[in-house]
Amino acid sequence: MMLTILNHWYELKLRVVYVIVTFLVTFVTSYLYSDILMYIYVFPFVLKFDEKKFIFTNLGEAFSSCLSISLNISLVVTFFFFVHSMLSFFKPGLYKTELHLLRMCSKLLIINIFLSVCFVYFIVLPGVINFFGHFESSRLFELTLEAKISDYLELVLQCLFWISLVFQTPVVIFLFVYLNVINVDSLVRKRKEFILICFVAGALLSPPDIFTQLLIALPLWILLEITIFIFIVIDEY
């Protein structure tokens, strides 16, 4: 018994070391290619304002922006590796149903993160850039946009974080339904309450402006409706 515990403890420490090494390697690699990664981040802005350029107003701002991008990429890659490592660690001690549940949740998690990144990159960012960019076309006085690279990257990273978090709603609902915390009938009956919760969450997770609130609340509402519809189909057939 003691030998088994020591073996598990050794394996757990080894996997933690792997996670740390993964973070360090991805961080260094991301920093070496931070100019390419930064271009991917700013491409929606460049596509809209091809004549514009980004600025930085203090000496270390460009360097800190590269570090921010590298840290963001390395955390995402390390998170995926951590999920895989934990699933591999717990796999021998799980029943088939529990292992199936973890695999389903892991797949849903990865798919939703990928969909949230696509949603932000192709829908949210162009919409935000177009909305705030049109204030430059004032006819009463000259108003020119000079975007700071750190402010732009902070906006992108906040959108990616919060919308990726919102997109995990189907995973949470799937767990609740699977564990019999809620059922499909209660989901259908309480749709109005869930819609209200979506907009309250949008208000709590966003700055005090209606546009950002809608960017969070509407995708959450749509995801909720799609999830309820899928569970109705599964429950029926």
C-alpha atoms as a PDB file:
ATOM      1  CA  MET A   1       0.000   0.000   0.000  1.00  0.00           C
ATOM      2  CA  MET A   2       2.801   2.402   0.975  1.00  0.00           C
ATOM      3  CA  LEU A   3       4.737   1.490  -2.170  1.00  0.00           C
ATOM      4  CA  THR A   4       1.691   2.260  -4.331  1.00  0.00           C
ATOM      5  CA  ILE A   5       1.269   5.675  -2.693  1.00  0.00           C
ATOM      6  CA  LEU A   6       4.955   6.457  -3.233  1.00  0.00           C
ATOM      7  CA  ASN A   7       4.691   5.415  -6.895  1.00  0.00           C
ATOM      8  CA  HIS A   8       1.680   7.680  -7.382  1.00  0.00           C
ATOM      9  CA  TRP A   9       3.462  10.524  -5.603  1.00  0.00           C
ATOM     10  CA  TYR A  10       6.544  10.068  -7.804  1.00  0.00           C
ATOM     11  CA  GLU A  11       4.395  10.029 -10.956  1.00  0.00           C
ATOM     12  CA  LEU A  12       2.528  13.152  -9.818  1.00  0.00           C
ATOM     13  CA  LYS A  13       5.789  15.024  -9.158  1.00  0.00           C
ATOM     14  CA  LEU A  14       7.110  13.928 -12.551  1.00  0.00           C
ATOM     15  CA  ARG A  15       3.999  15.221 -14.312  1.00  0.00           C
ATOM     16  CA  VAL A  16       4.268  18.540 -12.452  1.00  0.00           C
ATOM     17  CA  VAL A  17       7.870  18.830 -13.671  1.00  0.00           C
ATOM     18  CA  TYR A  18       6.665  18.112 -17.224  1.00  0.00           C
ATOM     19  CA  VAL A  19       4.057  20.862 -16.907  1.00  0.00           C
ATOM     20  CA  ILE A  20       6.667  23.362 -15.663  1.00  0.00           C
ATOM     21  CA  VAL A  21       9.085  22.417 -18.460  1.00  0.00           C
ATOM     22  CA  THR A  22       6.269  22.753 -20.998  1.00  0.00           C
ATOM     23  CA  PHE A  23       5.479  26.234 -19.720  1.00  0.00           C
ATOM     24  CA  LEU A  24       9.132  27.337 -19.867  1.00  0.00           C
ATOM     25  CA  VAL A  25       9.736  25.912 -23.333  1.00  0.00           C
ATOM     26  CA  THR A  26       6.561  27.397 -24.808  1.00  0.00           C
ATOM     27  CA  PHE A  27       7.248  30.746 -23.125  1.00  0.00           C
ATOM     28  CA  VAL A  28      10.763  30.990 -24.560  1.00  0.00           C
ATOM     29  CA  THR A  29       9.612  29.805 -27.984  1.00  0.00           C
ATOM     30  CA  SER A  30       6.702  32.248 -27.993  1.00  0.00           C
ATOM     31  CA  TYR A  31       9.000  35.107 -27.062  1.00  0.00           C
ATOM     32  CA  LEU A  32      11.414  34.233 -29.873  1.00  0.00           C
ATOM     33  CA  TYR A  33       8.515  34.425 -32.328  1.00  0.00           C
ATOM     34  CA  SER A  34       6.634  37.195 -30.528  1.00  0.00           C
ATOM     35  CA  ASP A  35       6.770  39.507 -33.559  1.00  0.00           C
ATOM     36  CA  ILE A  36       4.863  36.936 -35.645  1.00  0.00           C
ATOM     37  CA  LEU A  37       2.384  36.308 -32.837  1.00  0.00           C
ATOM     38  CA  MET A  38       1.893  40.041 -32.346  1.00  0.00           C
ATOM     39  CA  TYR A  39       1.138  40.435 -36.049  1.00  0.00           C
ATOM     40  CA  ILE A  40      -1.552  37.736 -35.770  1.00  0.00           C
ATOM     41  CA  TYR A  41      -3.092  39.665 -32.869  1.00  0.00           C
ATOM     42  CA  VAL A  42      -3.068  43.025 -34.674  1.00  0.00           C
ATOM     43  CA  PHE A  43      -4.096  41.700 -38.102  1.00  0.00           C
ATOM     44  CA  PRO A  44      -7.826  42.603 -37.692  1.00  0.00           C
ATOM     45  CA  PHE A  45      -6.772  46.164 -36.863  1.00  0.00           C
ATOM     46  CA  VAL A  46      -4.317  46.336 -39.773  1.00  0.00           C
ATOM     47  CA  LEU A  47      -6.993  44.968 -42.094  1.00  0.00           C
ATOM     48  CA  LYS A  48      -9.312  47.826 -41.099  1.00  0.00           C
ATOM     49  CA  PHE A  49      -6.717  50.632 -40.861  1.00  0.00           C
ATOM     50  CA  ASP A  50      -3.960  49.696 -43.281  1.00  0.00           C
ATOM     51  CA  GLU A  51      -2.512  53.219 -43.128  1.00  0.00           C
ATOM     52  CA  LYS A  52      -2.344  53.261 -39.324  1.00  0.00           C
ATOM     53  CA  LYS A  53       0.512  52.228 -37.077  1.00  0.00           C
ATOM     54  CA  PHE A  54       0.778  51.271 -33.426  1.00  0.00           C
ATOM     55  CA  ILE A  55       2.738  53.325 -30.927  1.00  0.00           C
ATOM     56  CA  PHE A  56       4.281  52.812 -27.512  1.00  0.00           C
ATOM     57  CA  THR A  57       4.775  55.722 -25.128  1.00  0.00           C
ATOM     58  CA  ASN A  58       7.419  54.403 -22.755  1.00  0.00           C
ATOM     59  CA  LEU A  59      10.644  52.531 -23.278  1.00  0.00           C
ATOM     60  CA  GLY A  60       9.584  49.168 -21.872  1.00  0.00           C
ATOM     61  CA  GLU A  61       6.049  49.025 -23.277  1.00  0.00           C
ATOM     62  CA  ALA A  62       6.911  47.107 -26.462  1.00  0.00           C
ATOM     63  CA  PHE A  63       8.974  44.629 -24.444  1.00  0.00           C
ATOM     64  CA  SER A  64       6.167  44.112 -21.926  1.00  0.00           C
ATOM     65  CA  SER A  65       3.722  43.590 -24.819  1.00  0.00           C
ATOM     66  CA  CYS A  66       5.921  40.813 -26.202  1.00  0.00           C
ATOM     67  CA  LEU A  67       6.099  39.260 -22.736  1.00  0.00           C
ATOM     68  CA  SER A  68       2.304  39.485 -22.389  1.00  0.00           C
ATOM     69  CA  ILE A  69       1.730  37.664 -25.677  1.00  0.00           C
ATOM     70  CA  SER A  70       4.338  35.018 -24.811  1.00  0.00           C
ATOM     71  CA  LEU A  71       2.787  34.480 -21.384  1.00  0.00           C
ATOM     72  CA  ASN A  72      -0.708  34.190 -22.854  1.00  0.00           C
ATOM     73  CA  ILE A  73       0.307  31.609 -25.462  1.00  0.00           C
ATOM     74  CA  SER A  74       2.386  29.582 -23.006  1.00  0.00           C
ATOM     75  CA  LEU A  75      -0.456  29.493 -20.449  1.00  0.00           C
ATOM     76  CA  VAL A  76      -2.915  28.200 -23.051  1.00  0.00           C
ATOM     77  CA  VAL A  77      -0.549  25.476 -24.287  1.00  0.00           C
ATOM     78  CA  THR A  78       0.387  24.526 -20.721  1.00  0.00           C
ATOM     79  CA  PHE A  79      -3.288  24.342 -19.752  1.00  0.00           C
ATOM     80  CA  PHE A  80      -3.994  21.843 -22.538  1.00  0.00           C
ATOM     81  CA  PHE A  81      -0.961  19.786 -21.533  1.00  0.00           C
ATOM     82  CA  PHE A  82      -2.028  19.941 -17.873  1.00  0.00           C
ATOM     83  CA  VAL A  83      -5.510  18.634 -18.716  1.00  0.00           C
ATOM     84  CA  HIS A  84      -3.988  15.793 -20.728  1.00  0.00           C
ATOM     85  CA  SER A  85      -1.534  14.953 -17.920  1.00  0.00           C
ATOM     86  CA  MET A  86      -4.226  14.890 -15.239  1.00  0.00           C
ATOM     87  CA  LEU A  87      -6.475  12.744 -17.405  1.00  0.00           C
ATOM     88  CA  SER A  88      -3.600  10.289 -17.956  1.00  0.00           C
ATOM     89  CA  PHE A  89      -2.806  10.282 -14.218  1.00  0.00           C
ATOM     90  CA  PHE A  90      -6.366   9.501 -13.098  1.00  0.00           C
ATOM     91  CA  LYS A  91      -7.137   7.111 -15.974  1.00  0.00           C
ATOM     92  CA  PRO A  92      -6.020   3.837 -14.290  1.00  0.00           C
ATOM     93  CA  GLY A  93      -8.238   4.449 -11.234  1.00  0.00           C
ATOM     94  CA  LEU A  94     -11.443   5.446 -13.014  1.00  0.00           C
ATOM     95  CA  TYR A  95     -14.456   3.425 -14.065  1.00  0.00           C
ATOM     96  CA  LYS A  96     -15.330   3.379 -17.754  1.00  0.00           C
ATOM     97  CA  THR A  97     -18.261   5.752 -17.235  1.00  0.00           C
ATOM     98  CA  GLU A  98     -16.088   8.209 -15.289  1.00  0.00           C
ATOM     99  CA  LEU A  99     -13.343   8.033 -17.903  1.00  0.00           C
ATOM    100  CA  HIS A 100     -15.913   8.574 -20.647  1.00  0.00           C
ATOM    101  CA  LEU A 101     -17.273  11.598 -18.773  1.00  0.00           C
ATOM    102  CA  LEU A 102     -13.809  13.140 -18.384  1.00  0.00           C
ATOM    103  CA  ARG A 103     -12.983  12.542 -22.029  1.00  0.00           C
ATOM    104  CA  MET A 104     -16.253  14.094 -23.165  1.00  0.00           C
ATOM    105  CA  CYS A 105     -15.683  17.143 -20.936  1.00  0.00           C
ATOM    106  CA  SER A 106     -12.097  17.499 -22.178  1.00  0.00           C
ATOM    107  CA  LYS A 107     -13.186  17.334 -25.817  1.00  0.00           C
ATOM    108  CA  LEU A 108     -16.001  19.832 -25.228  1.00  0.00           C
ATOM    109  CA  LEU A 109     -13.568  22.117 -23.397  1.00  0.00           C
ATOM    110  CA  ILE A 110     -11.054  22.114 -26.254  1.00  0.00           C
ATOM    111  CA  ILE A 111     -13.730  22.520 -28.956  1.00  0.00           C
ATOM    112  CA  ASN A 112     -15.354  25.419 -27.097  1.00  0.00           C
ATOM    113  CA  ILE A 113     -12.028  27.179 -26.589  1.00  0.00           C
ATOM    114  CA  PHE A 114     -11.283  26.837 -30.308  1.00  0.00           C
ATOM    115  CA  LEU A 115     -14.749  28.145 -31.228  1.00  0.00           C
ATOM    116  CA  SER A 116     -14.409  31.060 -28.800  1.00  0.00           C
ATOM    117  CA  VAL A 117     -11.051  32.060 -30.309  1.00  0.00           C
ATOM    118  CA  CYS A 118     -12.565  31.971 -33.821  1.00  0.00           C
ATOM    119  CA  PHE A 119     -15.585  33.940 -32.613  1.00  0.00           C
ATOM    120  CA  VAL A 120     -13.394  36.651 -31.070  1.00  0.00           C
ATOM    121  CA  TYR A 121     -10.982  36.839 -33.994  1.00  0.00           C
ATOM    122  CA  PHE A 122     -13.480  36.873 -36.853  1.00  0.00           C
ATOM    123  CA  ILE A 123     -16.586  38.493 -35.291  1.00  0.00           C
ATOM    124  CA  VAL A 124     -15.922  40.327 -32.037  1.00  0.00           C
ATOM    125  CA  LEU A 125     -12.644  42.077 -32.869  1.00  0.00           C
ATOM    126  CA  PRO A 126     -13.771  43.374 -36.301  1.00  0.00           C
ATOM    127  CA  GLY A 127     -17.012  44.578 -34.699  1.00  0.00           C
ATOM    128  CA  VAL A 128     -15.210  46.331 -31.849  1.00  0.00           C
ATOM    129  CA  ILE A 129     -12.670  47.914 -34.218  1.00  0.00           C
ATOM    130  CA  ASN A 130     -15.382  49.137 -36.593  1.00  0.00           C
ATOM    131  CA  PHE A 131     -17.488  50.513 -33.735  1.00  0.00           C
ATOM    132  CA  PHE A 132     -14.708  52.489 -32.065  1.00  0.00           C
ATOM    133  CA  GLY A 133     -12.960  53.355 -35.307  1.00  0.00           C
ATOM    134  CA  HIS A 134     -15.875  55.274 -36.778  1.00  0.00           C
ATOM    135  CA  PHE A 135     -15.439  58.018 -34.136  1.00  0.00           C
ATOM    136  CA  GLU A 136     -12.400  59.128 -36.116  1.00  0.00           C
ATOM    137  CA  SER A 137     -14.634  60.429 -38.925  1.00  0.00           C
ATOM    138  CA  SER A 138     -15.702  63.604 -37.128  1.00  0.00           C
ATOM    139  CA  ARG A 139     -16.521  66.540 -39.413  1.00  0.00           C
ATOM    140  CA  LEU A 140     -16.264  69.274 -36.750  1.00  0.00           C
ATOM    141  CA  PHE A 141     -12.626  68.789 -35.801  1.00  0.00           C
ATOM    142  CA  GLU A 142      -9.718  66.497 -36.561  1.00  0.00           C
ATOM    143  CA  LEU A 143      -9.733  63.324 -34.488  1.00  0.00           C
ATOM    144  CA  THR A 144      -6.969  60.831 -35.266  1.00  0.00           C
ATOM    145  CA  LEU A 145      -6.551  57.351 -33.880  1.00  0.00           C
ATOM    146  CA  GLU A 146      -3.083  56.494 -32.579  1.00  0.00           C
ATOM    147  CA  ALA A 147      -3.470  53.106 -30.956  1.00  0.00           C
ATOM    148  CA  LYS A 148      -1.120  52.016 -28.189  1.00  0.00           C
ATOM    149  CA  ILE A 149       0.039  48.449 -28.669  1.00  0.00           C
ATOM    150  CA  SER A 150      -0.321  47.605 -24.965  1.00  0.00           C
ATOM    151  CA  ASP A 151      -3.921  48.899 -24.790  1.00  0.00           C
ATOM    152  CA  TYR A 152      -4.894  47.007 -27.940  1.00  0.00           C
ATOM    153  CA  LEU A 153      -3.365  43.743 -26.712  1.00  0.00           C
ATOM    154  CA  GLU A 154      -5.076  44.167 -23.338  1.00  0.00           C
ATOM    155  CA  LEU A 155      -8.425  44.553 -25.119  1.00  0.00           C
ATOM    156  CA  VAL A 156      -7.803  41.437 -27.239  1.00  0.00           C
ATOM    157  CA  LEU A 157      -6.691  39.329 -24.284  1.00  0.00           C
ATOM    158  CA  GLN A 158      -9.677  40.411 -22.181  1.00  0.00           C
ATOM    159  CA  CYS A 159     -12.069  39.511 -25.004  1.00  0.00           C
ATOM    160  CA  LEU A 160     -10.376  36.132 -25.445  1.00  0.00           C
ATOM    161  CA  PHE A 161     -10.466  35.363 -21.725  1.00  0.00           C
ATOM    162  CA  TRP A 162     -14.052  36.343 -20.948  1.00  0.00           C
ATOM    163  CA  ILE A 163     -15.608  34.956 -24.120  1.00  0.00           C
ATOM    164  CA  SER A 164     -13.644  31.701 -23.763  1.00  0.00           C
ATOM    165  CA  LEU A 165     -15.024  31.502 -20.231  1.00  0.00           C
ATOM    166  CA  VAL A 166     -18.552  32.159 -21.480  1.00  0.00           C
ATOM    167  CA  PHE A 167     -18.194  29.471 -24.154  1.00  0.00           C
ATOM    168  CA  GLN A 168     -17.673  26.831 -21.437  1.00  0.00           C
ATOM    169  CA  THR A 169     -21.355  27.063 -20.491  1.00  0.00           C
ATOM    170  CA  PRO A 170     -22.249  23.875 -22.457  1.00  0.00           C
ATOM    171  CA  VAL A 171     -19.591  21.957 -20.509  1.00  0.00           C
ATOM    172  CA  VAL A 172     -21.071  23.080 -17.178  1.00  0.00           C
ATOM    173  CA  ILE A 173     -24.610  22.256 -18.308  1.00  0.00           C
ATOM    174  CA  PHE A 174     -23.453  18.864 -19.604  1.00  0.00           C
ATOM    175  CA  LEU A 175     -21.913  18.059 -16.211  1.00  0.00           C
ATOM    176  CA  PHE A 176     -25.034  19.177 -14.334  1.00  0.00           C
ATOM    177  CA  VAL A 177     -27.311  17.084 -16.566  1.00  0.00           C
ATOM    178  CA  TYR A 178     -25.011  14.049 -16.412  1.00  0.00           C
ATOM    179  CA  LEU A 179     -24.774  14.247 -12.602  1.00  0.00           C
ATOM    180  CA  ASN A 180     -28.580  14.734 -12.328  1.00  0.00           C
ATOM    181  CA  VAL A 181     -28.201  18.129 -10.684  1.00  0.00           C
ATOM    182  CA  ILE A 182     -30.642  19.450 -13.279  1.00  0.00           C
ATOM    183  CA  ASN A 183     -32.705  17.739 -15.971  1.00  0.00           C
ATOM    184  CA  VAL A 184     -33.837  18.656 -19.467  1.00  0.00           C
ATOM    185  CA  ASP A 185     -37.374  19.576 -18.350  1.00  0.00           C
ATOM    186  CA  SER A 186     -36.078  22.054 -15.773  1.00  0.00           C
ATOM    187  CA  LEU A 187     -33.792  23.575 -18.424  1.00  0.00           C
ATOM    188  CA  VAL A 188     -36.804  24.181 -20.670  1.00  0.00           C
ATOM    189  CA  ARG A 189     -39.014  25.500 -17.863  1.00  0.00           C
ATOM    190  CA  LYS A 190     -36.396  27.924 -16.553  1.00  0.00           C
ATOM    191  CA  ARG A 191     -35.256  29.375 -19.868  1.00  0.00           C
ATOM    192  CA  LYS A 192     -36.443  32.873 -18.905  1.00  0.00           C
ATOM    193  CA  GLU A 193     -34.423  32.795 -15.695  1.00  0.00           C
ATOM    194  CA  PHE A 194     -31.362  31.579 -17.616  1.00  0.00           C
ATOM    195  CA  ILE A 195     -31.713  34.410 -20.144  1.00  0.00           C
ATOM    196  CA  LEU A 196     -31.830  36.906 -17.279  1.00  0.00           C
ATOM    197  CA  ILE A 197     -28.720  35.280 -15.774  1.00  0.00           C
ATOM    198  CA  CYS A 198     -26.939  35.635 -19.146  1.00  0.00           C
ATOM    199  CA  PHE A 199     -27.468  39.403 -19.186  1.00  0.00           C
ATOM    200  CA  VAL A 200     -26.602  39.756 -15.492  1.00  0.00           C
ATOM    201  CA  ALA A 201     -23.367  37.852 -16.164  1.00  0.00           C
ATOM    202  CA  GLY A 202     -22.679  40.121 -19.135  1.00  0.00           C
ATOM    203  CA  ALA A 203     -23.118  43.157 -16.890  1.00  0.00           C
ATOM    204  CA  LEU A 204     -20.886  41.757 -14.145  1.00  0.00           C
ATOM    205  CA  LEU A 205     -18.101  40.565 -16.461  1.00  0.00           C
ATOM    206  CA  SER A 206     -17.923  43.671 -18.652  1.00  0.00           C
ATOM    207  CA  PRO A 207     -17.003  47.342 -18.246  1.00  0.00           C
ATOM    208  CA  PRO A 208     -19.937  49.739 -17.724  1.00  0.00           C
ATOM    209  CA  ASP A 209     -21.043  49.998 -21.354  1.00  0.00           C
ATOM    210  CA  ILE A 210     -23.918  48.254 -23.082  1.00  0.00           C
ATOM    211  CA  PHE A 211     -21.906  47.240 -26.156  1.00  0.00           C
ATOM    212  CA  THR A 212     -19.433  45.053 -24.224  1.00  0.00           C
ATOM    213  CA  GLN A 213     -22.262  43.635 -22.125  1.00  0.00           C
ATOM    214  CA  LEU A 214     -24.085  42.493 -25.262  1.00  0.00           C
ATOM    215  CA  LEU A 215     -20.889  40.956 -26.657  1.00  0.00           C
ATOM    216  CA  ILE A 216     -20.807  38.675 -23.611  1.00  0.00           C
ATOM    217  CA  ALA A 217     -24.519  38.163 -22.949  1.00  0.00           C
ATOM    218  CA  LEU A 218     -25.693  37.385 -26.500  1.00  0.00           C
ATOM    219  CA  PRO A 219     -23.168  34.580 -27.231  1.00  0.00           C
ATOM    220  CA  LEU A 220     -23.939  33.131 -23.803  1.00  0.00           C
ATOM    221  CA  TRP A 221     -27.664  33.186 -24.579  1.00  0.00           C
ATOM    222  CA  ILE A 222     -27.158  31.603 -28.026  1.00  0.00           C
ATOM    223  CA  LEU A 223     -24.931  28.891 -26.549  1.00  0.00           C
ATOM    224  CA  LEU A 224     -27.532  28.216 -23.895  1.00  0.00           C
ATOM    225  CA  GLU A 225     -30.310  27.817 -26.491  1.00  0.00           C
ATOM    226  CA  ILE A 226     -28.160  25.506 -28.633  1.00  0.00           C
ATOM    227  CA  THR A 227     -27.218  23.406 -25.603  1.00  0.00           C
ATOM    228  CA  ILE A 228     -30.847  23.061 -24.479  1.00  0.00           C
ATOM    229  CA  PHE A 229     -31.883  22.082 -28.009  1.00  0.00           C
ATOM    230  CA  ILE A 230     -29.150  19.416 -28.198  1.00  0.00           C
ATOM    231  CA  PHE A 231     -30.186  17.934 -24.846  1.00  0.00           C
ATOM    232  CA  ILE A 232     -33.846  17.889 -25.942  1.00  0.00           C
ATOM    233  CA  VAL A 233     -32.885  15.938 -29.081  1.00  0.00           C
ATOM    234  CA  ILE A 234     -30.714  13.515 -27.065  1.00  0.00           C
ATOM    235  CA  ASP A 235     -33.440  13.016 -24.468  1.00  0.00           C
ATOM    236  CA  GLU A 236     -36.079  12.441 -27.147  1.00  0.00           C
ATOM    237  CA  TYR A 237     -34.180  10.084 -29.470  1.00  0.00           C
END
